[in-house]
Amino acid sequence: MNQTLVIVKPQAVARGLSGKIMARYEAKGLKLVAVKLLKAERGLLASHYAEHEGKPFYESLLETMCGGPVLAMVLEGADAVTAARMLNGATDPLKAAPGTIRGDFGLEMAHNVVHASDSVQSARREIALWFPEAAAE
């Protein structure tokens, strides 16, 4: 059993997709252990995406993620990191298979609907950033 962080991005929240997306993870068998709807502060996003600082897309990524509320979730299950990423599909929605979240709901790379941790180590770091109250317990 492990945990992963999933973020439903602002454009997907604005389109009313949060419930449908959350239901996909739950239908797969992942347990929702924490959730919050919030307008992410730039500092939180800069920490979250620190490995991308200096890359050409970094500033637009932060702007996009600051564009509205996000739904942040901690999901738990057997190999939760891999399961969530498989459900998400390829990062580029136009290359994501039908039946995946990005394949079904995304059209553009800049608006690819969801984020999910890419490793157990990243998940631990990201969960501590987004859910510091859980890390303190």
N, C-alpha and C. Protein backbone atom coordinates (compact mmCIF):
# COMPACT_ATOMS: atom_id res chain seq x y z
N MET A 1 0.85 -1.19 0.00
CA MET A 1 0.00 0.00 0.00
C MET A 1 0.88 1.24 0.00
N ASN A 2 0.52 2.18 -0.86
CA ASN A 2 1.17 3.48 -0.79
C ASN A 2 0.16 4.56 -1.14
N GLN A 3 0.62 5.80 -1.05
CA GLN A 3 -0.24 6.95 -1.31
C GLN A 3 0.33 7.75 -2.47
N THR A 4 -0.56 8.49 -3.12
CA THR A 4 -0.15 9.39 -4.19
C THR A 4 -0.97 10.66 -4.10
N LEU A 5 -0.42 11.74 -4.65
CA LEU A 5 -1.15 13.00 -4.74
C LEU A 5 -1.68 13.13 -6.15
N VAL A 6 -2.94 13.49 -6.26
CA VAL A 6 -3.56 13.80 -7.54
C VAL A 6 -4.16 15.19 -7.43
N ILE A 7 -3.96 16.00 -8.45
CA ILE A 7 -4.55 17.33 -8.50
C ILE A 7 -5.41 17.44 -9.76
N VAL A 8 -6.67 17.77 -9.57
CA VAL A 8 -7.53 18.11 -10.70
C VAL A 8 -7.28 19.59 -10.97
N LYS A 9 -6.79 19.87 -12.17
CA LYS A 9 -6.32 21.21 -12.51
C LYS A 9 -7.48 22.20 -12.72
N PRO A 10 -7.16 23.51 -12.66
CA PRO A 10 -8.22 24.54 -12.70
C PRO A 10 -9.21 24.42 -13.85
N GLN A 11 -8.74 24.11 -15.04
CA GLN A 11 -9.65 24.05 -16.18
C GLN A 11 -10.65 22.90 -16.02
N ALA A 12 -10.20 21.79 -15.47
CA ALA A 12 -11.09 20.65 -15.25
C ALA A 12 -12.09 20.95 -14.14
N VAL A 13 -11.65 21.63 -13.09
CA VAL A 13 -12.57 22.03 -12.02
C VAL A 13 -13.62 22.97 -12.60
N ALA A 14 -13.20 23.94 -13.40
CA ALA A 14 -14.12 24.90 -14.01
C ALA A 14 -15.13 24.21 -14.93
N ARG A 15 -14.73 23.13 -15.55
CA ARG A 15 -15.62 22.38 -16.45
C ARG A 15 -16.54 21.42 -15.70
N GLY A 16 -16.41 21.36 -14.38
CA GLY A 16 -17.27 20.49 -13.58
C GLY A 16 -16.91 19.02 -13.66
N LEU A 17 -15.63 18.72 -13.88
CA LEU A 17 -15.19 17.34 -14.06
C LEU A 17 -14.66 16.69 -12.78
N SER A 18 -14.56 17.43 -11.70
CA SER A 18 -13.93 16.91 -10.47
C SER A 18 -14.57 15.62 -9.99
N GLY A 19 -15.88 15.57 -9.92
CA GLY A 19 -16.57 14.37 -9.44
C GLY A 19 -16.36 13.18 -10.35
N LYS A 20 -16.43 13.41 -11.67
CA LYS A 20 -16.22 12.31 -12.62
C LYS A 20 -14.80 11.77 -12.51
N ILE A 21 -13.83 12.68 -12.37
CA ILE A 21 -12.43 12.26 -12.27
C ILE A 21 -12.20 11.50 -10.97
N MET A 22 -12.69 12.03 -9.87
CA MET A 22 -12.53 11.36 -8.57
C MET A 22 -13.16 9.96 -8.63
N ALA A 23 -14.30 9.85 -9.26
CA ALA A 23 -14.99 8.56 -9.36
C ALA A 23 -14.15 7.53 -10.11
N ARG A 24 -13.36 7.95 -11.07
CA ARG A 24 -12.52 7.00 -11.82
C ARG A 24 -11.48 6.36 -10.91
N TYR A 25 -10.85 7.17 -10.07
CA TYR A 25 -9.85 6.63 -9.15
C TYR A 25 -10.51 5.69 -8.15
N GLU A 26 -11.67 6.08 -7.64
CA GLU A 26 -12.36 5.23 -6.67
C GLU A 26 -12.83 3.93 -7.33
N ALA A 27 -13.30 4.00 -8.56
CA ALA A 27 -13.75 2.79 -9.27
C ALA A 27 -12.59 1.82 -9.49
N LYS A 28 -11.38 2.34 -9.62
CA LYS A 28 -10.19 1.51 -9.79
C LYS A 28 -9.84 0.78 -8.49
N GLY A 29 -10.33 1.32 -7.37
CA GLY A 29 -10.04 0.70 -6.08
C GLY A 29 -9.15 1.54 -5.20
N LEU A 30 -8.82 2.75 -5.63
CA LEU A 30 -8.02 3.64 -4.79
C LEU A 30 -8.92 4.31 -3.77
N LYS A 31 -8.43 4.40 -2.55
CA LYS A 31 -9.20 4.97 -1.45
C LYS A 31 -8.85 6.45 -1.30
N LEU A 32 -9.87 7.28 -1.23
CA LEU A 32 -9.69 8.71 -1.00
C LEU A 32 -9.46 8.93 0.49
N VAL A 33 -8.25 9.40 0.86
CA VAL A 33 -7.95 9.58 2.28
C VAL A 33 -7.86 11.05 2.70
N ALA A 34 -7.75 11.96 1.73
CA ALA A 34 -7.76 13.40 2.02
C ALA A 34 -8.14 14.13 0.73
N VAL A 35 -8.87 15.22 0.88
CA VAL A 35 -9.26 16.01 -0.28
C VAL A 35 -9.49 17.46 0.15
N LYS A 36 -9.14 18.39 -0.73
CA LYS A 36 -9.45 19.79 -0.47
C LYS A 36 -9.53 20.54 -1.80
N LEU A 37 -10.46 21.48 -1.83
CA LEU A 37 -10.61 22.39 -2.95
C LEU A 37 -9.98 23.70 -2.51
N LEU A 38 -9.03 24.20 -3.28
CA LEU A 38 -8.35 25.43 -2.89
C LEU A 38 -7.83 26.18 -4.10
N LYS A 39 -7.60 27.46 -3.90
CA LYS A 39 -6.92 28.28 -4.89
C LYS A 39 -5.45 28.24 -4.47
N ALA A 40 -4.64 27.55 -5.22
CA ALA A 40 -3.23 27.34 -4.85
C ALA A 40 -2.45 28.64 -4.93
N GLU A 41 -1.68 28.89 -3.91
CA GLU A 41 -0.79 30.06 -3.88
C GLU A 41 0.43 29.79 -4.76
N ARG A 42 0.97 30.85 -5.32
CA ARG A 42 2.13 30.72 -6.21
C ARG A 42 3.30 30.05 -5.50
N GLY A 43 3.53 30.37 -4.23
CA GLY A 43 4.63 29.77 -3.49
C GLY A 43 4.51 28.26 -3.37
N LEU A 44 3.30 27.77 -3.11
CA LEU A 44 3.05 26.34 -3.04
C LEU A 44 3.34 25.69 -4.39
N LEU A 45 2.86 26.32 -5.45
CA LEU A 45 3.07 25.77 -6.79
C LEU A 45 4.55 25.80 -7.18
N ALA A 46 5.26 26.86 -6.80
CA ALA A 46 6.70 26.93 -7.09
C ALA A 46 7.45 25.81 -6.38
N SER A 47 7.06 25.51 -5.15
CA SER A 47 7.68 24.39 -4.43
C SER A 47 7.31 23.06 -5.08
N HIS A 48 6.05 22.92 -5.44
CA HIS A 48 5.58 21.68 -6.05
C HIS A 48 6.30 21.39 -7.37
N TYR A 49 6.45 22.42 -8.20
CA TYR A 49 7.05 22.25 -9.52
C TYR A 49 8.51 22.70 -9.58
N ALA A 50 9.21 22.66 -8.45
CA ALA A 50 10.59 23.16 -8.35
C ALA A 50 11.52 22.52 -9.38
N GLU A 51 11.32 21.23 -9.69
CA GLU A 51 12.22 20.56 -10.64
C GLU A 51 12.10 21.12 -12.06
N HIS A 52 11.05 21.88 -12.32
CA HIS A 52 10.86 22.46 -13.67
C HIS A 52 11.32 23.91 -13.76
N GLU A 53 11.77 24.48 -12.64
CA GLU A 53 12.21 25.88 -12.66
C GLU A 53 13.31 26.05 -13.71
N GLY A 54 13.17 27.13 -14.49
CA GLY A 54 14.15 27.42 -15.54
C GLY A 54 13.79 26.84 -16.90
N LYS A 55 12.83 25.93 -16.93
CA LYS A 55 12.41 25.35 -18.21
C LYS A 55 11.46 26.33 -18.91
N PRO A 56 11.39 26.27 -20.22
CA PRO A 56 10.58 27.24 -20.97
C PRO A 56 9.10 27.29 -20.57
N PHE A 57 8.55 26.19 -20.11
CA PHE A 57 7.12 26.14 -19.79
C PHE A 57 6.80 26.47 -18.34
N TYR A 58 7.83 26.70 -17.51
CA TYR A 58 7.64 26.85 -16.07
C TYR A 58 6.67 27.98 -15.70
N GLU A 59 6.90 29.17 -16.20
CA GLU A 59 6.05 30.31 -15.84
C GLU A 59 4.61 30.11 -16.29
N SER A 60 4.42 29.60 -17.49
CA SER A 60 3.04 29.39 -17.96
C SER A 60 2.36 28.29 -17.15
N LEU A 61 3.12 27.29 -16.70
CA LEU A 61 2.58 26.25 -15.85
C LEU A 61 2.06 26.84 -14.54
N LEU A 62 2.87 27.69 -13.92
CA LEU A 62 2.45 28.33 -12.67
C LEU A 62 1.22 29.20 -12.89
N GLU A 63 1.22 29.98 -13.98
CA GLU A 63 0.07 30.83 -14.28
C GLU A 63 -1.19 30.01 -14.48
N THR A 64 -1.08 28.92 -15.22
CA THR A 64 -2.22 28.05 -15.47
C THR A 64 -2.76 27.49 -14.16
N MET A 65 -1.86 27.02 -13.31
CA MET A 65 -2.28 26.41 -12.05
C MET A 65 -2.83 27.43 -11.06
N CYS A 66 -2.47 28.70 -11.22
CA CYS A 66 -3.01 29.78 -10.37
C CYS A 66 -4.34 30.30 -10.93
N GLY A 67 -4.77 29.78 -12.08
CA GLY A 67 -5.91 30.32 -12.79
C GLY A 67 -7.28 30.05 -12.18
N GLY A 68 -7.35 29.27 -11.15
CA GLY A 68 -8.63 28.96 -10.51
C GLY A 68 -8.43 27.88 -9.48
N PRO A 69 -9.51 27.47 -8.84
CA PRO A 69 -9.39 26.43 -7.82
C PRO A 69 -8.92 25.10 -8.40
N VAL A 70 -8.22 24.34 -7.57
CA VAL A 70 -7.81 22.98 -7.90
C VAL A 70 -8.40 22.06 -6.84
N LEU A 71 -8.55 20.80 -7.19
CA LEU A 71 -8.97 19.79 -6.24
C LEU A 71 -7.78 18.89 -5.98
N ALA A 72 -7.23 18.96 -4.77
CA ALA A 72 -6.07 18.13 -4.40
C ALA A 72 -6.58 16.94 -3.60
N MET A 73 -6.06 15.74 -3.95
CA MET A 73 -6.50 14.51 -3.30
C MET A 73 -5.30 13.64 -2.95
N VAL A 74 -5.41 12.96 -1.84
CA VAL A 74 -4.48 11.90 -1.50
C VAL A 74 -5.24 10.60 -1.68
N LEU A 75 -4.69 9.74 -2.52
CA LEU A 75 -5.28 8.43 -2.81
C LEU A 75 -4.36 7.35 -2.28
N GLU A 76 -4.94 6.26 -1.80
CA GLU A 76 -4.17 5.18 -1.20
C GLU A 76 -4.61 3.85 -1.79
N GLY A 77 -3.64 2.98 -1.99
CA GLY A 77 -3.95 1.65 -2.49
C GLY A 77 -2.70 0.92 -2.89
N ALA A 78 -2.89 -0.31 -3.35
CA ALA A 78 -1.77 -1.11 -3.84
C ALA A 78 -1.17 -0.42 -5.05
N ASP A 79 0.08 -0.02 -4.94
CA ASP A 79 0.79 0.68 -6.01
C ASP A 79 -0.03 1.86 -6.55
N ALA A 80 -0.48 2.71 -5.63
CA ALA A 80 -1.34 3.85 -5.97
C ALA A 80 -0.69 4.79 -6.99
N VAL A 81 0.62 4.98 -6.89
CA VAL A 81 1.31 5.89 -7.82
C VAL A 81 1.14 5.39 -9.25
N THR A 82 1.44 4.13 -9.49
CA THR A 82 1.34 3.56 -10.83
C THR A 82 -0.11 3.52 -11.30
N ALA A 83 -1.02 3.13 -10.42
CA ALA A 83 -2.43 3.04 -10.79
C ALA A 83 -2.98 4.40 -11.22
N ALA A 84 -2.68 5.44 -10.46
CA ALA A 84 -3.18 6.78 -10.80
C ALA A 84 -2.60 7.26 -12.13
N ARG A 85 -1.32 7.04 -12.34
CA ARG A 85 -0.69 7.50 -13.58
C ARG A 85 -1.23 6.74 -14.79
N MET A 86 -1.53 5.47 -14.63
CA MET A 86 -2.12 4.70 -15.73
C MET A 86 -3.52 5.21 -16.05
N LEU A 87 -4.29 5.52 -15.02
CA LEU A 87 -5.63 6.07 -15.24
C LEU A 87 -5.56 7.43 -15.92
N ASN A 88 -4.53 8.22 -15.59
CA ASN A 88 -4.39 9.56 -16.18
C ASN A 88 -4.11 9.49 -17.67
N GLY A 89 -3.26 8.56 -18.10
CA GLY A 89 -2.86 8.49 -19.50
C GLY A 89 -1.66 9.37 -19.78
N ALA A 90 -1.26 9.41 -21.03
CA ALA A 90 -0.09 10.19 -21.45
C ALA A 90 -0.26 11.66 -21.11
N THR A 91 0.86 12.33 -20.83
CA THR A 91 0.84 13.74 -20.46
C THR A 91 0.18 14.60 -21.54
N ASP A 92 0.46 14.29 -22.79
CA ASP A 92 -0.16 15.02 -23.91
C ASP A 92 -1.52 14.38 -24.17
N PRO A 93 -2.60 15.10 -23.91
CA PRO A 93 -3.94 14.51 -24.08
C PRO A 93 -4.21 13.98 -25.49
N LEU A 94 -3.57 14.54 -26.49
CA LEU A 94 -3.79 14.05 -27.86
C LEU A 94 -3.11 12.71 -28.10
N LYS A 95 -2.18 12.35 -27.21
CA LYS A 95 -1.51 11.04 -27.31
C LYS A 95 -2.04 10.05 -26.27
N ALA A 96 -2.90 10.54 -25.38
CA ALA A 96 -3.45 9.68 -24.33
C ALA A 96 -4.54 8.77 -24.91
N ALA A 97 -4.53 7.54 -24.48
CA ALA A 97 -5.48 6.56 -24.99
C ALA A 97 -6.91 6.90 -24.56
N PRO A 98 -7.87 6.63 -25.44
CA PRO A 98 -9.27 6.76 -25.02
C PRO A 98 -9.50 5.86 -23.80
N GLY A 99 -10.33 6.33 -22.89
CA GLY A 99 -10.57 5.59 -21.66
C GLY A 99 -9.73 6.09 -20.50
N THR A 100 -8.65 6.82 -20.81
CA THR A 100 -7.87 7.46 -19.74
C THR A 100 -8.48 8.82 -19.45
N ILE A 101 -8.16 9.38 -18.31
CA ILE A 101 -8.70 10.69 -17.93
C ILE A 101 -8.28 11.76 -18.92
N ARG A 102 -7.00 11.82 -19.24
CA ARG A 102 -6.55 12.83 -20.20
C ARG A 102 -7.06 12.55 -21.61
N GLY A 103 -7.14 11.28 -21.97
CA GLY A 103 -7.65 10.92 -23.29
C GLY A 103 -9.11 11.28 -23.47
N ASP A 104 -9.87 11.18 -22.40
CA ASP A 104 -11.31 11.47 -22.48
C ASP A 104 -11.66 12.94 -22.25
N PHE A 105 -10.86 13.64 -21.43
CA PHE A 105 -11.26 14.99 -21.03
C PHE A 105 -10.30 16.10 -21.46
N GLY A 106 -9.13 15.78 -22.00
CA GLY A 106 -8.15 16.81 -22.34
C GLY A 106 -7.98 17.00 -23.83
N LEU A 107 -7.56 18.21 -24.21
CA LEU A 107 -7.27 18.51 -25.62
C LEU A 107 -5.89 19.11 -25.81
N GLU A 108 -5.40 19.85 -24.82
CA GLU A 108 -4.14 20.57 -24.96
C GLU A 108 -3.16 20.18 -23.87
N MET A 109 -1.89 20.19 -24.21
CA MET A 109 -0.85 19.87 -23.24
C MET A 109 -0.91 20.83 -22.04
N ALA A 110 -1.14 22.11 -22.30
CA ALA A 110 -1.18 23.09 -21.21
C ALA A 110 -2.38 22.90 -20.30
N HIS A 111 -3.39 22.20 -20.77
CA HIS A 111 -4.61 21.97 -19.99
C HIS A 111 -4.88 20.47 -19.97
N ASN A 112 -3.95 19.73 -19.37
CA ASN A 112 -4.05 18.27 -19.44
C ASN A 112 -4.81 17.64 -18.27
N VAL A 113 -5.63 18.43 -17.61
CA VAL A 113 -6.68 17.99 -16.70
C VAL A 113 -6.20 17.59 -15.30
N VAL A 114 -5.16 16.75 -15.19
CA VAL A 114 -4.76 16.23 -13.88
C VAL A 114 -3.24 16.15 -13.74
N HIS A 115 -2.82 16.17 -12.49
CA HIS A 115 -1.44 15.88 -12.12
C HIS A 115 -1.48 14.68 -11.18
N ALA A 116 -0.49 13.81 -11.28
CA ALA A 116 -0.31 12.73 -10.30
C ALA A 116 1.18 12.56 -10.03
N SER A 117 1.51 12.26 -8.80
CA SER A 117 2.91 12.04 -8.41
C SER A 117 3.54 10.98 -9.31
N ASP A 118 4.84 11.16 -9.60
CA ASP A 118 5.52 10.23 -10.51
C ASP A 118 6.32 9.14 -9.81
N SER A 119 6.38 9.18 -8.48
CA SER A 119 7.08 8.14 -7.72
C SER A 119 6.59 8.19 -6.28
N VAL A 120 6.90 7.16 -5.53
CA VAL A 120 6.52 7.14 -4.12
C VAL A 120 7.22 8.27 -3.38
N GLN A 121 8.49 8.53 -3.72
CA GLN A 121 9.24 9.62 -3.08
C GLN A 121 8.61 10.97 -3.40
N SER A 122 8.26 11.19 -4.67
CA SER A 122 7.59 12.44 -5.06
C SER A 122 6.26 12.58 -4.34
N ALA A 123 5.53 11.48 -4.23
CA ALA A 123 4.23 11.51 -3.56
C ALA A 123 4.39 11.97 -2.11
N ARG A 124 5.38 11.43 -1.42
CA ARG A 124 5.60 11.84 -0.02
C ARG A 124 5.88 13.34 0.08
N ARG A 125 6.76 13.82 -0.81
CA ARG A 125 7.11 15.25 -0.81
C ARG A 125 5.89 16.10 -1.14
N GLU A 126 5.15 15.72 -2.17
CA GLU A 126 4.00 16.50 -2.62
C GLU A 126 2.86 16.48 -1.60
N ILE A 127 2.61 15.34 -0.99
CA ILE A 127 1.56 15.26 0.03
C ILE A 127 1.91 16.15 1.21
N ALA A 128 3.17 16.18 1.61
CA ALA A 128 3.60 17.05 2.71
C ALA A 128 3.40 18.53 2.35
N LEU A 129 3.58 18.89 1.08
CA LEU A 129 3.37 20.28 0.66
C LEU A 129 1.88 20.65 0.68
N TRP A 130 1.07 19.79 0.11
CA TRP A 130 -0.35 20.10 -0.08
C TRP A 130 -1.21 19.79 1.14
N PHE A 131 -0.76 18.85 1.96
CA PHE A 131 -1.51 18.44 3.16
C PHE A 131 -0.57 18.43 4.37
N PRO A 132 -0.03 19.59 4.73
CA PRO A 132 0.92 19.62 5.86
C PRO A 132 0.29 19.15 7.17
N GLU A 133 -1.02 19.32 7.30
CA GLU A 133 -1.71 18.87 8.51
C GLU A 133 -1.64 17.35 8.64
N ALA A 134 -1.61 16.63 7.53
CA ALA A 134 -1.51 15.17 7.58
C ALA A 134 -0.10 14.74 7.94
N ALA A 135 0.89 15.48 7.46
CA ALA A 135 2.29 15.16 7.74
C ALA A 135 2.63 15.38 9.22
N ALA A 136 1.90 16.32 9.86
CA ALA A 136 2.18 16.65 11.25
C ALA A 136 1.61 15.61 12.21
N GLU A 137 0.68 14.78 11.73
CA GLU A 137 0.03 13.80 12.62
C GLU A 137 0.95 12.66 12.96
